[in-house]
Amino acid sequence: MARYVGPVCRLCRREGKKLFLKGDRCQGPKCAIEKRNVPPGQHGLSRTKLSTYGVQLREKQRAKRIYGVLERQFRRYFEKAERLRGVTGTLLLQLLERRLDNVVYRLGFASSRSAARQFVRHDHITVNGKKVNIPSYLVRPGDVVACAEKARNMKYVQSSLSTAPGRRKPWLTYDDQAFSGTFVSVPSREDLDDIDLREQLIIELYSK
């Protein structure tokens, strides 16, 4: 599957907000937003006010980049959320939060969602005791996501776990001894207070 392999700091600069795409670096003074908070490119400083469509598009692009999905996959999530009963915007975010790579990131086995995706791909994660190497796998309430035994002593995992408490949320419980976490329930919109998105703009964009 295609994926973005370019410099990720320019994505944060383009959106004008931290997307936390480089893990711990985003928390320090080396963050691109801290050093140069202007859009990339020679015309970055001269860009004019966005139209209504432009605002909606930027919100959609920000959501895609936060969760690390491309357009076709993101569109499928929207179509699935639209078929479900409930608020479409909230359902869209809930589907994205249920992705296995996002859960691995939230539990702290990786310091960014892109690193979590690679971690899953390399067979370092199990779900309910079975190896799963599909980053887009949708975790269900009650599923136990664990770090494979062969990866538990990796320096990267230990370093990531040391900064993990700030990323863990009420809908996840973590067992330090077993290197595993349980996806207790699907989060409500109020629980997703760290996701700075106006999902209604995305729905308006796709509904045109």
Foldseek 3Di string as FASTA:
>chain_A
DDFDDDDCLLVCLQLLHDLQAPFPCCVDCNRCSNVPNFHDDPCRVVDDDDDLLRVLVSLLSSVCSSLRHDDVVLVVLLVVLVPDPDDSLFSSVLLSCQFQLNVCCLQQQARGSVVSLVCLLVQQKDKQPHTGSHRSDGHAAFIKIAGHPVCCPPPRRVVRNVPNPVSHFPQKDADPVRRIIGRHHRDGPVRPPVDPGDSVSNVVNVVD
